[in-house]
C-alpha atoms as a PDB file:
ATOM      1  CA  MET A   1       3.742   7.786  21.027  1.00  0.00           C
ATOM      2  CA  ASN A   2       0.795   8.467  22.925  1.00  0.00           C
ATOM      3  CA  THR A   3      -2.168  10.262  20.838  1.00  0.00           C
ATOM      4  CA  GLU A   4      -4.376  10.991  23.916  1.00  0.00           C
ATOM      5  CA  LYS A   5      -5.451  14.836  23.398  1.00  0.00           C
ATOM      6  CA  THR A   6      -5.318  17.014  26.649  1.00  0.00           C
ATOM      7  CA  PRO A   7      -5.943  20.923  26.713  1.00  0.00           C
ATOM      8  CA  ALA A   8      -3.222  23.134  25.063  1.00  0.00           C
ATOM      9  CA  THR A   9      -3.603  25.603  28.016  1.00  0.00           C
ATOM     10  CA  SER A  10      -2.548  22.625  30.977  1.00  0.00           C
ATOM     11  CA  GLY A  11       0.647  23.652  32.807  1.00  0.00           C
ATOM     12  CA  THR A  12       2.302  20.214  31.793  1.00  0.00           C
ATOM     13  CA  ASP A  13       1.477  20.914  27.984  1.00  0.00           C
ATOM     14  CA  ARG A  14       5.470  21.592  26.861  1.00  0.00           C
ATOM     15  CA  TRP A  15       4.385  22.100  23.467  1.00  0.00           C
ATOM     16  CA  HIS A  16       2.610  24.985  24.151  1.00  0.00           C
ATOM     17  CA  ASP A  17       5.392  26.596  26.492  1.00  0.00           C
ATOM     18  CA  ARG A  18       7.685  26.097  23.760  1.00  0.00           C
ATOM     19  CA  VAL A  19       5.824  28.063  21.192  1.00  0.00           C
ATOM     20  CA  GLU A  20       4.416  30.757  23.874  1.00  0.00           C
ATOM     21  CA  SER A  21       8.400  31.128  24.474  1.00  0.00           C
ATOM     22  CA  ALA A  22       8.796  32.672  21.258  1.00  0.00           C
ATOM     23  CA  ASP A  23       9.299  36.544  20.693  1.00  0.00           C
ATOM     24  CA  TRP A  24       5.880  36.843  18.439  1.00  0.00           C
ATOM     25  CA  GLN A  25       6.189  40.535  18.033  1.00  0.00           C
ATOM     26  CA  ALA A  26       9.439  39.666  16.264  1.00  0.00           C
ATOM     27  CA  ILE A  27       8.145  36.602  14.100  1.00  0.00           C
ATOM     28  CA  THR A  28       5.212  38.762  12.928  1.00  0.00           C
ATOM     29  CA  ALA A  29       7.419  41.198  11.937  1.00  0.00           C
ATOM     30  CA  GLU A  30       9.791  38.774   9.918  1.00  0.00           C
ATOM     31  CA  ILE A  31       6.885  37.345   8.130  1.00  0.00           C
ATOM     32  CA  ASP A  32       5.395  40.465   7.332  1.00  0.00           C
ATOM     33  CA  GLU A  33       8.603  41.351   5.769  1.00  0.00           C
ATOM     34  CA  TYR A  34       9.850  38.161   4.153  1.00  0.00           C
ATOM     35  CA  GLY A  35       6.900  35.779   3.782  1.00  0.00           C
ATOM     36  CA  GLY A  36       8.494  32.887   6.410  1.00  0.00           C
ATOM     37  CA  ALA A  37      10.345  33.582   9.844  1.00  0.00           C
ATOM     38  CA  LEU A  38      11.764  31.081  12.084  1.00  0.00           C
ATOM     39  CA  LEU A  39      10.759  29.718  14.900  1.00  0.00           C
ATOM     40  CA  PRO A  40      12.172  28.560  18.233  1.00  0.00           C
ATOM     41  CA  GLN A  41      12.837  24.843  18.976  1.00  0.00           C
ATOM     42  CA  LEU A  42       9.374  23.023  19.043  1.00  0.00           C
ATOM     43  CA  LEU A  43      10.521  19.844  18.927  1.00  0.00           C
ATOM     44  CA  THR A  44      13.669  18.347  21.226  1.00  0.00           C
ATOM     45  CA  PRO A  45      16.340  16.251  19.310  1.00  0.00           C
ATOM     46  CA  GLU A  46      14.720  12.843  21.359  1.00  0.00           C
ATOM     47  CA  GLU A  47      11.093  14.075  19.840  1.00  0.00           C
ATOM     48  CA  THR A  48      12.710  14.281  16.281  1.00  0.00           C
ATOM     49  CA  VAL A  49      14.033  10.723  16.326  1.00  0.00           C
ATOM     50  CA  GLU A  50      10.310   9.573  17.937  1.00  0.00           C
ATOM     51  CA  ILE A  51       8.800  11.372  14.963  1.00  0.00           C
ATOM     52  CA  ARG A  52      11.329   9.820  12.243  1.00  0.00           C
ATOM     53  CA  GLY A  53      10.933   6.778  13.540  1.00  0.00           C
ATOM     54  CA  LEU A  54       7.346   6.696  12.332  1.00  0.00           C
ATOM     55  CA  TYR A  55       7.796   6.882   8.754  1.00  0.00           C
ATOM     56  CA  GLU A  56       8.860   3.625   8.303  1.00  0.00           C
ATOM     57  CA  GLN A  57       5.805   2.266   9.910  1.00  0.00           C
ATOM     58  CA  ASP A  58       2.306   1.583   8.002  1.00  0.00           C
ATOM     59  CA  GLY A  59      -0.238   2.249  10.831  1.00  0.00           C
ATOM     60  CA  PRO A  60       0.280   6.337  11.079  1.00  0.00           C
ATOM     61  CA  PHE A  61      -0.522   7.035   7.251  1.00  0.00           C
ATOM     62  CA  ARG A  62      -3.456   7.502   5.152  1.00  0.00           C
ATOM     63  CA  SER A  63      -1.360   7.541   2.045  1.00  0.00           C
ATOM     64  CA  THR A  64       2.569   8.106   0.289  1.00  0.00           C
ATOM     65  CA  VAL A  65       3.226  10.186  -2.574  1.00  0.00           C
ATOM     66  CA  ASP A  66       6.506   9.623  -4.820  1.00  0.00           C
ATOM     67  CA  MET A  67       7.138  12.891  -5.642  1.00  0.00           C
ATOM     68  CA  ALA A  68       9.034  11.846  -9.081  1.00  0.00           C
ATOM     69  CA  ARG A  69       6.138   9.932 -10.126  1.00  0.00           C
ATOM     70  CA  HIS A  70       3.859  13.165  -9.830  1.00  0.00           C
ATOM     71  CA  ARG A  71       6.814  15.547 -11.147  1.00  0.00           C
ATOM     72  CA  PHE A  72       6.883  17.184  -7.837  1.00  0.00           C
ATOM     73  CA  GLY A  73      10.523  16.383  -7.104  1.00  0.00           C
ATOM     74  CA  GLU A  74      12.456  13.477  -5.871  1.00  0.00           C
ATOM     75  CA  GLY A  75      11.321  11.956  -2.695  1.00  0.00           C
ATOM     76  CA  ARG A  76       8.462  10.643  -0.777  1.00  0.00           C
ATOM     77  CA  TYR A  77       5.980  12.336   1.702  1.00  0.00           C
ATOM     78  CA  ARG A  78       3.411  10.558   3.909  1.00  0.00           C
ATOM     79  CA  TYR A  79       0.364  11.719   5.254  1.00  0.00           C
ATOM     80  CA  ILE A  80       0.072  11.429   9.073  1.00  0.00           C
ATOM     81  CA  ASP A  81      -3.769  10.049   9.785  1.00  0.00           C
ATOM     82  CA  THR A  82      -5.494  11.339  12.470  1.00  0.00           C
ATOM     83  CA  PRO A  83      -5.724  10.839  15.465  1.00  0.00           C
ATOM     84  CA  TYR A  84      -2.249  12.421  15.280  1.00  0.00           C
ATOM     85  CA  PRO A  85       0.353  11.647  17.487  1.00  0.00           C
ATOM     86  CA  GLU A  86       0.530  13.677  20.749  1.00  0.00           C
ATOM     87  CA  PRO A  87       3.656  16.052  19.343  1.00  0.00           C
ATOM     88  CA  VAL A  88       1.660  16.830  16.143  1.00  0.00           C
ATOM     89  CA  GLU A  89      -1.403  17.481  17.648  1.00  0.00           C
ATOM     90  CA  ARG A  90      -0.454  19.612  20.408  1.00  0.00           C
ATOM     91  CA  LEU A  91       1.424  21.940  18.352  1.00  0.00           C
ATOM     92  CA  LYS A  92      -0.935  22.761  15.919  1.00  0.00           C
ATOM     93  CA  GLN A  93      -3.460  23.325  18.582  1.00  0.00           C
ATOM     94  CA  ALA A  94      -0.815  25.544  20.576  1.00  0.00           C
ATOM     95  CA  LEU A  95       0.080  27.641  17.316  1.00  0.00           C
ATOM     96  CA  TYR A  96      -3.564  28.069  15.988  1.00  0.00           C
ATOM     97  CA  PRO A  97      -3.811  30.820  18.160  1.00  0.00           C
ATOM     98  CA  ARG A  98      -0.853  32.582  17.506  1.00  0.00           C
ATOM     99  CA  LEU A  99      -1.210  32.777  13.406  1.00  0.00           C
ATOM    100  CA  LEU A 100      -4.395  33.961  13.828  1.00  0.00           C
ATOM    101  CA  PRO A 101      -3.768  37.437  14.347  1.00  0.00           C
ATOM    102  CA  ILE A 102      -1.176  37.373  11.491  1.00  0.00           C
ATOM    103  CA  ALA A 103      -3.982  35.872   9.103  1.00  0.00           C
ATOM    104  CA  ARG A 104      -6.819  38.077  10.004  1.00  0.00           C
ATOM    105  CA  ASP A 105      -4.513  41.349   9.969  1.00  0.00           C
ATOM    106  CA  TRP A 106      -3.106  39.868   6.509  1.00  0.00           C
ATOM    107  CA  TRP A 107      -6.959  39.320   5.151  1.00  0.00           C
ATOM    108  CA  SER A 108      -7.518  42.818   6.732  1.00  0.00           C
ATOM    109  CA  ARG A 109      -5.370  44.617   4.656  1.00  0.00           C
ATOM    110  CA  LEU A 110      -6.658  42.728   1.339  1.00  0.00           C
ATOM    111  CA  GLY A 111     -10.112  43.762   1.690  1.00  0.00           C
ATOM    112  CA  ARG A 112     -10.937  39.994   2.225  1.00  0.00           C
ATOM    113  CA  PRO A 113     -13.277  38.449   4.668  1.00  0.00           C
ATOM    114  CA  ALA A 114     -11.311  36.206   7.135  1.00  0.00           C
ATOM    115  CA  PRO A 115     -13.250  33.105   7.441  1.00  0.00           C
ATOM    116  CA  TRP A 116     -11.033  31.775  10.292  1.00  0.00           C
ATOM    117  CA  PRO A 117     -12.939  31.313  13.998  1.00  0.00           C
ATOM    118  CA  ASP A 118     -11.280  31.413  16.897  1.00  0.00           C
ATOM    119  CA  SER A 119     -10.300  27.752  17.744  1.00  0.00           C
ATOM    120  CA  LEU A 120      -8.544  25.388  15.442  1.00  0.00           C
ATOM    121  CA  ASP A 121     -11.029  22.543  15.984  1.00  0.00           C
ATOM    122  CA  GLU A 122     -14.022  25.072  14.656  1.00  0.00           C
ATOM    123  CA  TRP A 123     -11.770  26.019  11.955  1.00  0.00           C
ATOM    124  CA  LEU A 124     -11.146  21.751  10.784  1.00  0.00           C
ATOM    125  CA  ARG A 125     -15.269  21.568  11.513  1.00  0.00           C
ATOM    126  CA  MET A 126     -16.085  24.013   9.040  1.00  0.00           C
ATOM    127  CA  CYS A 127     -13.552  22.323   6.609  1.00  0.00           C
ATOM    128  CA  HIS A 128     -15.208  18.977   6.971  1.00  0.00           C
ATOM    129  CA  ASP A 129     -18.665  20.453   6.266  1.00  0.00           C
ATOM    130  CA  ALA A 130     -17.029  21.825   3.050  1.00  0.00           C
ATOM    131  CA  GLY A 131     -16.261  18.239   2.440  1.00  0.00           C
ATOM    132  CA  GLN A 132     -12.328  18.873   3.390  1.00  0.00           C
ATOM    133  CA  THR A 133     -12.223  16.045   5.712  1.00  0.00           C
ATOM    134  CA  LYS A 134      -8.901  14.482   4.837  1.00  0.00           C
ATOM    135  CA  SER A 135      -5.894  14.658   7.609  1.00  0.00           C
ATOM    136  CA  THR A 136      -3.173  17.348   6.344  1.00  0.00           C
ATOM    137  CA  ALA A 137      -0.115  17.037   8.428  1.00  0.00           C
ATOM    138  CA  ILE A 138       3.126  15.438   6.204  1.00  0.00           C
ATOM    139  CA  LEU A 139       6.336  13.495   7.119  1.00  0.00           C
ATOM    140  CA  LEU A 140       8.899  13.849   4.181  1.00  0.00           C
ATOM    141  CA  HIS A 141      11.720  11.942   3.665  1.00  0.00           C
ATOM    142  CA  TYR A 142      14.521  13.283   1.285  1.00  0.00           C
ATOM    143  CA  GLY A 143      17.918  11.544   0.401  1.00  0.00           C
ATOM    144  CA  GLU A 144      20.679  12.631  -1.558  1.00  0.00           C
ATOM    145  CA  LYS A 145      19.729  14.546  -4.588  1.00  0.00           C
ATOM    146  CA  ASP A 146      16.559  14.523  -3.757  1.00  0.00           C
ATOM    147  CA  TRP A 147      14.549  18.029  -3.582  1.00  0.00           C
ATOM    148  CA  ASN A 148      11.140  19.286  -3.597  1.00  0.00           C
ATOM    149  CA  ALA A 149       9.580  21.612  -6.530  1.00  0.00           C
ATOM    150  CA  LEU A 150       7.918  24.878  -5.708  1.00  0.00           C
ATOM    151  CA  HIS A 151       4.231  24.280  -4.761  1.00  0.00           C
ATOM    152  CA  ARG A 152       1.805  25.493  -2.539  1.00  0.00           C
ATOM    153  CA  ASP A 153      -0.504  23.542  -0.164  1.00  0.00           C
ATOM    154  CA  LEU A 154      -4.113  24.456  -0.880  1.00  0.00           C
ATOM    155  CA  TYR A 155      -6.068  21.313  -1.184  1.00  0.00           C
ATOM    156  CA  GLY A 156      -9.536  23.055  -1.286  1.00  0.00           C
ATOM    157  CA  ASP A 157     -11.535  26.032  -1.101  1.00  0.00           C
ATOM    158  CA  LEU A 158     -11.042  26.913   2.409  1.00  0.00           C
ATOM    159  CA  VAL A 159      -7.248  27.882   2.991  1.00  0.00           C
ATOM    160  CA  PHE A 160      -5.586  29.030   6.035  1.00  0.00           C
ATOM    161  CA  PRO A 161      -3.075  31.124   5.073  1.00  0.00           C
ATOM    162  CA  LEU A 162      -0.049  30.130   7.357  1.00  0.00           C
ATOM    163  CA  GLN A 163       1.961  27.075   8.053  1.00  0.00           C
ATOM    164  CA  VAL A 164       4.824  25.556   9.604  1.00  0.00           C
ATOM    165  CA  VAL A 165       7.936  23.092   9.016  1.00  0.00           C
ATOM    166  CA  ILE A 166      10.297  21.526  11.526  1.00  0.00           C
ATOM    167  CA  ASN A 167      13.555  19.787  10.524  1.00  0.00           C
ATOM    168  CA  LEU A 168      13.801  16.603  12.135  1.00  0.00           C
ATOM    169  CA  ASN A 169      17.586  16.232  11.277  1.00  0.00           C
ATOM    170  CA  GLU A 170      20.472  18.470  12.252  1.00  0.00           C
ATOM    171  CA  PRO A 171      21.685  19.785   9.154  1.00  0.00           C
ATOM    172  CA  GLY A 172      25.693  19.380   8.395  1.00  0.00           C
ATOM    173  CA  VAL A 173      25.742  16.134  10.487  1.00  0.00           C
ATOM    174  CA  ASP A 174      22.665  14.458   8.930  1.00  0.00           C
ATOM    175  CA  HIS A 175      22.735  16.096   5.669  1.00  0.00           C
ATOM    176  CA  THR A 176      24.300  19.115   3.656  1.00  0.00           C
ATOM    177  CA  GLY A 177      21.955  20.991   1.065  1.00  0.00           C
ATOM    178  CA  GLY A 178      17.984  20.811   1.559  1.00  0.00           C
ATOM    179  CA  GLU A 179      17.275  24.368   2.189  1.00  0.00           C
ATOM    180  CA  PHE A 180      13.911  25.617   2.903  1.00  0.00           C
ATOM    181  CA  LEU A 181      12.589  27.379  -0.454  1.00  0.00           C
ATOM    182  CA  LEU A 182      10.167  30.752  -0.616  1.00  0.00           C
ATOM    183  CA  LEU A 183       9.341  32.204  -4.034  1.00  0.00           C
ATOM    184  CA  GLU A 184       7.232  35.509  -3.915  1.00  0.00           C
ATOM    185  CA  GLN A 185       6.000  37.235  -6.858  1.00  0.00           C
ATOM    186  CA  ARG A 186       6.005  40.731  -6.470  1.00  0.00           C
ATOM    187  CA  PRO A 187       3.207  42.857  -7.948  1.00  0.00           C
ATOM    188  CA  ARG A 188       4.652  44.234 -11.532  1.00  0.00           C
ATOM    189  CA  ALA A 189       8.018  43.344 -10.476  1.00  0.00           C
ATOM    190  CA  GLN A 190      10.599  40.645 -10.510  1.00  0.00           C
ATOM    191  CA  SER A 191       9.750  37.743  -8.028  1.00  0.00           C
ATOM    192  CA  ARG A 192      12.138  37.333  -5.063  1.00  0.00           C
ATOM    193  CA  GLY A 193      13.581  34.137  -3.324  1.00  0.00           C
ATOM    194  CA  THR A 194      14.808  33.419   0.044  1.00  0.00           C
ATOM    195  CA  ALA A 195      16.728  30.189   1.075  1.00  0.00           C
ATOM    196  CA  THR A 196      16.704  29.428   4.862  1.00  0.00           C
ATOM    197  CA  LEU A 197      18.655  26.441   6.604  1.00  0.00           C
ATOM    198  CA  LEU A 198      16.462  25.010   9.391  1.00  0.00           C
ATOM    199  CA  PRO A 199      18.331  24.010  12.850  1.00  0.00           C
ATOM    200  CA  HIS A 200      17.348  20.694  14.196  1.00  0.00           C
ATOM    201  CA  GLY A 201      13.933  20.750  15.654  1.00  0.00           C
ATOM    202  CA  HIS A 202      12.854  24.426  15.125  1.00  0.00           C
ATOM    203  CA  GLY A 203       9.937  25.319  13.101  1.00  0.00           C
ATOM    204  CA  TYR A 204       9.382  27.545  10.243  1.00  0.00           C
ATOM    205  CA  LEU A 205       6.724  29.886   9.719  1.00  0.00           C
ATOM    206  CA  PHE A 206       5.491  30.348   5.905  1.00  0.00           C
ATOM    207  CA  THR A 207       2.947  31.819   3.592  1.00  0.00           C
ATOM    208  CA  THR A 208       0.534  29.123   2.394  1.00  0.00           C
ATOM    209  CA  ARG A 209      -0.827  30.795  -0.355  1.00  0.00           C
ATOM    210  CA  ASP A 210      -0.271  34.780  -0.989  1.00  0.00           C
ATOM    211  CA  ARG A 211       0.518  37.709   1.247  1.00  0.00           C
ATOM    212  CA  PRO A 212      -0.123  41.783   1.420  1.00  0.00           C
ATOM    213  CA  VAL A 213       2.540  43.457   0.110  1.00  0.00           C
ATOM    214  CA  ARG A 214       2.386  47.356  -0.501  1.00  0.00           C
ATOM    215  CA  SER A 215       2.075  48.736  -3.822  1.00  0.00           C
ATOM    216  CA  THR A 216       1.424  51.776  -5.687  1.00  0.00           C
ATOM    217  CA  ARG A 217      -2.036  51.122  -5.713  1.00  0.00           C
ATOM    218  CA  GLY A 218      -1.961  50.031  -1.430  1.00  0.00           C
ATOM    219  CA  TRP A 219      -2.105  46.757  -0.680  1.00  0.00           C
ATOM    220  CA  SER A 220      -1.541  43.787  -3.288  1.00  0.00           C
ATOM    221  CA  ALA A 221      -1.544  39.855  -2.879  1.00  0.00           C
ATOM    222  CA  ALA A 222       1.426  38.390  -3.917  1.00  0.00           C
ATOM    223  CA  PRO A 223       1.437  35.072  -4.338  1.00  0.00           C
ATOM    224  CA  VAL A 224       4.199  32.761  -2.603  1.00  0.00           C
ATOM    225  CA  ARG A 225       5.682  29.046  -3.456  1.00  0.00           C
ATOM    226  CA  HIS A 226       7.636  26.901  -1.590  1.00  0.00           C
ATOM    227  CA  GLY A 227      10.055  24.155  -1.816  1.00  0.00           C
ATOM    228  CA  VAL A 228      13.494  22.244  -0.927  1.00  0.00           C
ATOM    229  CA  SER A 229      17.034  22.760  -2.911  1.00  0.00           C
ATOM    230  CA  ALA A 230      18.488  19.279  -3.690  1.00  0.00           C
ATOM    231  CA  ILE A 231      20.236  17.706  -1.104  1.00  0.00           C
ATOM    232  CA  ARG A 232      23.637  17.419  -1.377  1.00  0.00           C
ATOM    233  CA  SER A 233      24.710  14.439   0.830  1.00  0.00           C
ATOM    234  CA  GLY A 234      22.699  12.230   3.666  1.00  0.00           C
ATOM    235  CA  GLU A 235      18.689  12.663   4.189  1.00  0.00           C
ATOM    236  CA  ARG A 236      16.506  14.863   5.785  1.00  0.00           C
ATOM    237  CA  HIS A 237      12.655  14.360   7.332  1.00  0.00           C
ATOM    238  CA  THR A 238      10.682  17.171   7.593  1.00  0.00           C
ATOM    239  CA  LEU A 239       7.306  17.540   9.534  1.00  0.00           C
ATOM    240  CA  ALA A 240       4.848  19.624   7.944  1.00  0.00           C
ATOM    241  CA  LEU A 241       1.826  20.979   9.652  1.00  0.00           C
ATOM    242  CA  VAL A 242      -1.131  22.477   7.598  1.00  0.00           C
ATOM    243  CA  PHE A 243      -4.077  24.050   9.404  1.00  0.00           C
ATOM    244  CA  HIS A 244      -6.391  23.200   6.936  1.00  0.00           C
ATOM    245  CA  ASP A 245      -7.953  19.807   6.097  1.00  0.00           C
ATOM    246  CA  ALA A 246      -8.145  18.092   2.358  1.00  0.00           C
ATOM    247  CA  ALA A 247     -10.788  17.548  -0.080  1.00  0.00           C
END
C-alpha cells in the first residue's frame, strides 16, 4: 500500500472527495443531537480488504494490545505506526477541516478555549511539542464473543473532541452483533445509550470525551464513553481515526 503523501486538495484524492460528498449540515445536526453521526462510505470493499490484510503483518504497527489482559473487553487492537498507509493519512487530512468547526462550536458553548489550529499537521506538532508523539490510528479485530468495554481514547492533556471509526467488514455477512455503542451521562439525569450497526466501509463520527448539552443552567459538558457489543458470530475489523497523538 502506497504511503506517499500528496495534498488533500488535489483533484485526484478520492478519499477527500468522499468526505466532501457528505451532507455536513445534517451530520452536524445529528452529532449535536446524539453525540454520534453516520458518515458516507469512506472506503471501498477492495480498500477494506487491503487494510484488513495489514492486521496480520508486523511492519505497520508500533504496538499490540490484548484487551482481555487489560480488562478492556475481549479481542485485540494494534496501533498503526507512521507514516500511515495512504488511506489512513488521506482520510485524517480530509476529515479534520470538516470536524474542526464542530469542535470549536462545542467548546464555545462550554466557555472553553479551543486550542485547535486550522491544519491537522500544525495540531499534531502541538501534540508532539507537549510530549504526545505516539501514533493513534488503530486497527481492531474482534472474533466471536469478543467485545470492547466502554472507554474514552484520551492519551494525554491535548485532546481533539471528535473521532471516526470505519467498519472494515460487512454486517450480516462477515459478522453478526458488534454494534457500536455510545453511553452519555446527562447532567443530573440518567445515562443515555445508543447502538449503531455500521455499514461496510462507512465511517461513524462520535464524541471523544464530552460534549455540550442543554441544561437548566445553560450548556453543560456531558461525558461520553464508547464501546462495541459482543460479536455473536464471525469476525469484525474496524479502523479507528483519532485526531490527537499519544503521550
